[in-house]
Amino acid sequence: MLRVIVNGAFGRMGREVMKAVWNSEDMELVGAVDSVGVGTEIGTLIDTTDCRIFLENNLEETLTRLRPDVAVDFTTPRVVFQNSMTIIKNGVHPVIGTTGMSSTQIQELIDLSQRLEIGGVIAPNFAIGAVLMIKFATEAARFMPNVEIIELHHDQKIDAPSGTSIKTAEAICEQRGDFQQGLATEYENINGARGGKFNGGIRIHSVRLPGLVAHQEVIFGGLGQTLTIRHDSINRESFMPGVLLGIRKAMHLERVVYGLDKLLFD
């Protein structure tokens, strides 16, 4: 049985992760951490009367006392880097779903995990369909290199653009090399109207509205045609197969990897 704790357990994603781990035959939920809801009995958050675990607020103390195999983090961009460092330094395998870390921070975590031989995964999106969207978009960029990305999320998401859109743009840029798109002389009547400008002129547009969960369109333009590749997460259950895969695979890796695609295709 894989011993798992969830950091950010009181949040919506944290609750879904706890429920998925609790219902998995090869995993044991042993602890839960959050700065909110301290002392809450976890069973009340995941609709069971059998779970006598109480929410704590000290990640390092919880890791030291419970010695889990894996720690799943769905917290906030403000604290995720330090959380991840703490998890790795305590010899626990991290599964990080919180977005907002810089490429420098991600590389620092990978380097640290490699030195300590601690496997794990950082994934901007754990929905398997979203990973396939990025893969298909990368293939399409070989033939239609002009592309823009629209990502849409609920209005409680703090960071923009999403980690998924950044990961998509990175993969497309790697595929198409030095290609530069866009009109050099264009200008904006309202600042930001054209979205954020990524490498090679790719524009990323972020939408934040209630009623949304997590959605993305990758729109390619060519001579007399367009191609749209879209993924929609209708609810947070869509992320759970990927999270559980990350927990299982993390135990067999020798360092942290970035992206669920590393577990699916490599």
Protein backbone atom coordinates (compact mmCIF):
# COMPACT_ATOMS: atom_id res chain seq x y z
CA MET A 1 0.00 0.00 0.00
CA LEU A 2 1.31 3.44 -0.95
CA ARG A 3 1.13 5.84 1.98
CA VAL A 4 -0.12 9.24 0.73
CA ILE A 5 -0.67 12.66 2.27
CA VAL A 6 -2.44 15.55 0.54
CA ASN A 7 -1.28 19.15 0.94
CA GLY A 8 -3.97 21.72 0.19
CA ALA A 9 -6.50 19.16 1.36
CA PHE A 10 -9.29 21.59 2.27
CA GLY A 11 -9.53 22.97 -1.29
CA ARG A 12 -11.67 21.59 -4.08
CA MET A 13 -8.83 19.74 -5.79
CA GLY A 14 -7.47 18.53 -2.47
CA ARG A 15 -10.81 16.97 -1.58
CA GLU A 16 -11.05 15.20 -4.92
CA VAL A 17 -7.52 13.82 -4.50
CA MET A 18 -8.26 12.57 -0.99
CA LYS A 19 -11.43 10.88 -2.20
CA ALA A 20 -9.59 9.22 -5.09
CA VAL A 21 -6.76 8.00 -2.85
CA TRP A 22 -9.22 6.80 -0.20
CA ASN A 23 -11.08 4.72 -2.78
CA SER A 24 -7.92 3.24 -4.38
CA GLU A 25 -7.13 -0.33 -3.46
CA ASP A 26 -3.35 0.15 -3.58
CA MET A 27 -3.15 3.41 -1.60
CA GLU A 28 -3.66 4.53 1.98
CA LEU A 29 -4.55 8.12 2.85
CA VAL A 30 -2.50 8.77 6.00
CA GLY A 31 -2.56 12.54 6.39
CA ALA A 32 -3.90 15.89 5.21
CA VAL A 33 -2.44 19.38 5.45
CA ASP A 34 -3.85 22.86 4.82
CA SER A 35 -3.68 26.34 6.31
CA VAL A 36 -7.50 26.43 6.24
CA GLY A 37 -9.88 24.17 8.15
CA VAL A 38 -7.30 22.92 10.65
CA GLY A 39 -8.80 20.26 12.91
CA THR A 40 -11.50 19.26 10.43
CA GLU A 41 -12.18 15.54 10.29
CA ILE A 42 -11.34 14.45 6.74
CA GLY A 43 -14.31 12.12 6.53
CA THR A 44 -16.63 15.13 6.41
CA LEU A 45 -14.81 16.40 3.31
CA ILE A 46 -14.88 13.14 1.35
CA ASP A 47 -18.28 11.80 2.39
CA THR A 48 -17.22 8.86 4.53
CA THR A 49 -17.63 8.01 8.19
CA ASP A 50 -14.63 5.67 8.28
CA CYS A 51 -11.78 8.20 7.94
CA ARG A 52 -10.56 9.38 11.33
CA ILE A 53 -7.86 11.71 9.99
CA PHE A 54 -7.79 15.35 11.04
CA LEU A 55 -6.50 18.29 9.01
CA GLU A 56 -3.11 19.65 10.12
CA ASN A 57 -1.28 22.84 9.16
CA ASN A 58 2.43 21.99 9.41
CA LEU A 59 3.68 20.20 6.28
CA GLU A 60 7.20 19.41 7.49
CA GLU A 61 6.06 18.12 10.87
CA THR A 62 3.45 15.93 9.17
CA LEU A 63 6.02 14.52 6.74
CA THR A 64 8.47 13.80 9.57
CA ARG A 65 5.88 12.10 11.78
CA LEU A 66 3.93 10.09 9.21
CA ARG A 67 6.75 9.24 6.76
CA PRO A 68 4.48 8.89 3.70
CA ASP A 69 5.67 7.51 0.40
CA VAL A 70 4.07 10.29 -1.65
CA ALA A 71 2.88 13.83 -0.96
CA VAL A 72 0.38 15.39 -3.37
CA ASP A 73 0.34 19.21 -3.49
CA PHE A 74 -2.58 21.31 -4.71
CA THR A 75 -2.00 24.57 -2.85
CA THR A 76 -1.22 28.01 -4.31
CA PRO A 77 1.53 29.52 -6.50
CA ARG A 78 2.76 31.53 -3.52
CA VAL A 79 3.82 28.49 -1.49
CA VAL A 80 4.17 25.59 -3.94
CA PHE A 81 7.90 25.96 -4.55
CA GLN A 82 8.78 25.90 -0.84
CA ASN A 83 6.32 23.04 -0.29
CA SER A 84 7.96 21.03 -3.05
CA MET A 85 11.44 21.68 -1.62
CA THR A 86 10.25 20.54 1.80
CA ILE A 87 8.72 17.35 0.40
CA ILE A 88 11.84 16.37 -1.54
CA LYS A 89 14.24 17.23 1.28
CA ASN A 90 12.26 14.92 3.56
CA GLY A 91 12.77 12.01 1.16
CA VAL A 92 9.12 11.90 0.07
CA HIS A 93 8.05 11.55 -3.56
CA PRO A 94 6.25 14.74 -4.73
CA VAL A 95 3.23 14.86 -7.04
CA ILE A 96 2.71 18.55 -7.73
CA GLY A 97 -0.42 19.83 -9.44
CA THR A 98 -0.13 23.45 -8.31
CA THR A 99 0.81 25.79 -11.16
CA GLY A 100 2.59 29.14 -11.12
CA MET A 101 6.22 28.08 -10.65
CA SER A 102 8.82 29.58 -12.96
CA SER A 103 10.93 27.41 -15.26
CA THR A 104 13.91 28.22 -13.03
CA GLN A 105 12.10 26.95 -9.94
CA ILE A 106 10.98 23.79 -11.72
CA GLN A 107 14.53 23.08 -12.85
CA GLU A 108 15.83 23.66 -9.32
CA LEU A 109 13.39 21.05 -8.01
CA ILE A 110 14.39 18.59 -10.73
CA ASP A 111 18.09 19.09 -9.94
CA LEU A 112 17.52 18.63 -6.19
CA SER A 113 15.45 15.47 -6.73
CA GLN A 114 18.12 14.05 -9.02
CA ARG A 115 20.83 14.62 -6.41
CA LEU A 116 18.70 12.93 -3.74
CA GLU A 117 17.34 10.27 -6.16
CA ILE A 118 13.74 11.13 -5.29
CA GLY A 119 11.27 10.51 -8.12
CA GLY A 120 8.16 12.58 -8.64
CA VAL A 121 6.12 14.57 -11.11
CA ILE A 122 5.17 18.21 -11.63
CA ALA A 123 2.23 18.47 -14.02
CA PRO A 124 0.40 21.63 -15.09
CA ASN A 125 -2.57 19.44 -15.96
CA PHE A 126 -3.38 15.91 -14.80
CA ALA A 127 -6.23 15.35 -17.26
CA ILE A 128 -5.11 12.71 -19.73
CA GLY A 129 -7.18 14.38 -22.46
CA ALA A 130 -5.26 17.63 -21.92
CA VAL A 131 -1.96 15.78 -22.36
CA LEU A 132 -3.27 14.34 -25.62
CA MET A 133 -4.35 17.83 -26.71
CA ILE A 134 -0.78 19.07 -26.29
CA LYS A 135 0.59 16.07 -28.17
CA PHE A 136 -1.84 16.57 -31.08
CA ALA A 137 -1.14 20.32 -31.14
CA THR A 138 2.58 19.69 -31.29
CA GLU A 139 2.08 17.42 -34.28
CA ALA A 140 -0.18 19.97 -36.00
CA ALA A 141 2.46 22.69 -35.58
CA ARG A 142 4.70 20.82 -38.03
CA PHE A 143 2.27 21.67 -40.81
CA MET A 144 0.46 24.77 -39.52
CA PRO A 145 2.95 26.80 -37.46
CA ASN A 146 0.74 29.90 -36.97
CA VAL A 147 -1.12 29.36 -33.71
CA GLU A 148 -2.82 31.12 -30.81
CA ILE A 149 -4.04 29.65 -27.52
CA ILE A 150 -7.17 30.47 -25.55
CA GLU A 151 -7.36 29.04 -22.04
CA LEU A 152 -10.49 29.33 -19.91
CA HIS A 153 -10.73 28.67 -16.17
CA HIS A 154 -12.95 29.37 -13.17
CA ASP A 155 -12.70 32.83 -11.63
CA GLN A 156 -10.96 31.57 -8.47
CA LYS A 157 -7.80 30.59 -10.34
CA ILE A 158 -5.03 32.93 -9.19
CA ASP A 159 -2.38 32.66 -11.91
CA ALA A 160 -2.59 33.50 -15.61
CA PRO A 161 -1.88 32.19 -18.11
CA SER A 162 -2.44 28.61 -17.05
CA GLY A 163 0.40 26.14 -16.71
CA THR A 164 -1.24 24.02 -19.39
CA SER A 165 -1.16 26.84 -21.95
CA ILE A 166 2.48 27.54 -21.19
CA LYS A 167 3.33 23.85 -21.51
CA THR A 168 1.45 23.79 -24.85
CA ALA A 169 3.31 26.83 -26.16
CA GLU A 170 6.66 25.39 -25.07
CA ALA A 171 5.97 22.12 -26.90
CA ILE A 172 4.89 23.95 -30.07
CA CYS A 173 7.98 26.19 -30.01
CA GLU A 174 10.23 23.16 -29.64
CA GLN A 175 8.55 21.59 -32.66
CA ARG A 176 8.63 24.59 -34.98
CA GLY A 177 12.07 25.94 -34.04
CA ASP A 178 12.89 29.56 -34.90
CA PHE A 179 9.57 30.29 -36.64
CA GLN A 180 8.24 33.79 -35.92
CA GLN A 181 4.57 34.62 -36.42
CA GLY A 182 2.53 37.80 -36.33
CA LEU A 183 2.56 41.25 -37.89
CA ALA A 184 5.59 43.20 -36.75
CA THR A 185 3.77 46.55 -37.00
CA GLU A 186 0.57 45.61 -35.13
CA TYR A 187 -0.43 47.62 -32.07
CA GLU A 188 -3.09 47.47 -29.34
CA ASN A 189 -5.72 50.16 -28.76
CA ILE A 190 -6.27 48.59 -25.32
CA ASN A 191 -3.19 47.22 -23.59
CA GLY A 192 -3.29 43.44 -23.47
CA ALA A 193 -6.01 43.09 -26.11
CA ARG A 194 -3.86 40.64 -28.09
CA GLY A 195 -3.12 38.49 -25.06
CA GLY A 196 0.26 37.56 -23.62
CA LYS A 197 3.08 37.18 -26.11
CA PHE A 198 5.06 33.96 -25.81
CA ASN A 199 8.22 32.97 -27.69
CA GLY A 200 7.96 33.10 -31.45
CA GLY A 201 4.94 35.40 -31.34
CA ILE A 202 2.45 32.86 -29.98
CA ARG A 203 -0.38 34.70 -28.21
CA ILE A 204 -2.00 33.23 -25.10
CA HIS A 205 -5.42 34.57 -24.06
CA SER A 206 -6.78 33.90 -20.55
CA VAL A 207 -10.48 33.86 -19.65
CA ARG A 208 -11.68 33.73 -16.03
CA LEU A 209 -15.41 33.25 -15.38
CA PRO A 210 -17.66 31.44 -12.90
CA GLY A 211 -19.12 28.27 -14.34
CA LEU A 212 -15.88 27.21 -16.00
CA VAL A 213 -13.56 24.48 -14.73
CA ALA A 214 -10.55 24.06 -17.06
CA HIS A 215 -10.68 24.43 -20.85
CA GLN A 216 -8.26 25.20 -23.66
CA GLU A 217 -8.39 25.82 -27.40
CA VAL A 218 -5.32 25.70 -29.63
CA ILE A 219 -6.21 27.45 -32.89
CA PHE A 220 -4.04 26.99 -35.98
CA GLY A 221 -4.36 29.16 -39.08
CA GLY A 222 -3.28 28.28 -42.60
CA LEU A 223 -4.04 29.21 -46.17
CA GLY A 224 -7.85 29.25 -46.43
CA GLN A 225 -8.36 27.10 -43.31
CA THR A 226 -8.18 26.88 -39.55
CA LEU A 227 -7.79 23.94 -37.21
CA THR A 228 -8.98 23.99 -33.58
CA ILE A 229 -7.91 21.42 -30.99
CA ARG A 230 -9.91 21.76 -27.76
CA HIS A 231 -10.02 20.04 -24.41
CA ASP A 232 -12.65 20.51 -21.69
CA SER A 233 -12.56 19.34 -18.09
CA ILE A 234 -16.22 19.23 -17.09
CA ASN A 235 -15.43 18.53 -13.43
CA ARG A 236 -12.43 17.89 -11.21
CA GLU A 237 -12.86 14.12 -11.38
CA SER A 238 -11.25 14.40 -14.83
CA PHE A 239 -7.87 14.98 -13.17
CA MET A 240 -7.96 11.99 -10.83
CA PRO A 241 -6.80 9.18 -13.17
CA GLY A 242 -3.71 11.27 -13.94
CA VAL A 243 -3.07 12.06 -10.27
CA LEU A 244 -3.30 8.39 -9.31
CA LEU A 245 -0.99 7.51 -12.20
CA GLY A 246 1.48 10.12 -10.95
CA ILE A 247 1.39 8.69 -7.43
CA ARG A 248 2.08 5.17 -8.68
CA LYS A 249 4.79 6.16 -11.19
CA ALA A 250 6.59 8.54 -8.81
CA MET A 251 7.79 5.59 -6.75
CA HIS A 252 9.73 4.18 -9.71
CA LEU A 253 11.42 7.37 -10.93
CA GLU A 254 14.89 8.54 -9.98
CA ARG A 255 14.10 12.25 -10.31
CA VAL A 256 11.19 14.63 -10.72
CA VAL A 257 9.81 14.93 -14.26
CA TYR A 258 7.82 17.84 -15.69
CA GLY A 259 4.57 16.97 -17.42
CA LEU A 260 2.24 13.99 -17.31
CA ASP A 261 3.34 13.19 -20.87
CA LYS A 262 6.63 11.94 -19.42
CA LEU A 263 4.67 9.17 -17.71
CA LEU A 264 2.40 8.38 -20.65
CA PHE A 265 4.73 8.45 -23.63
CA ASP A 266 8.38 8.20 -22.50
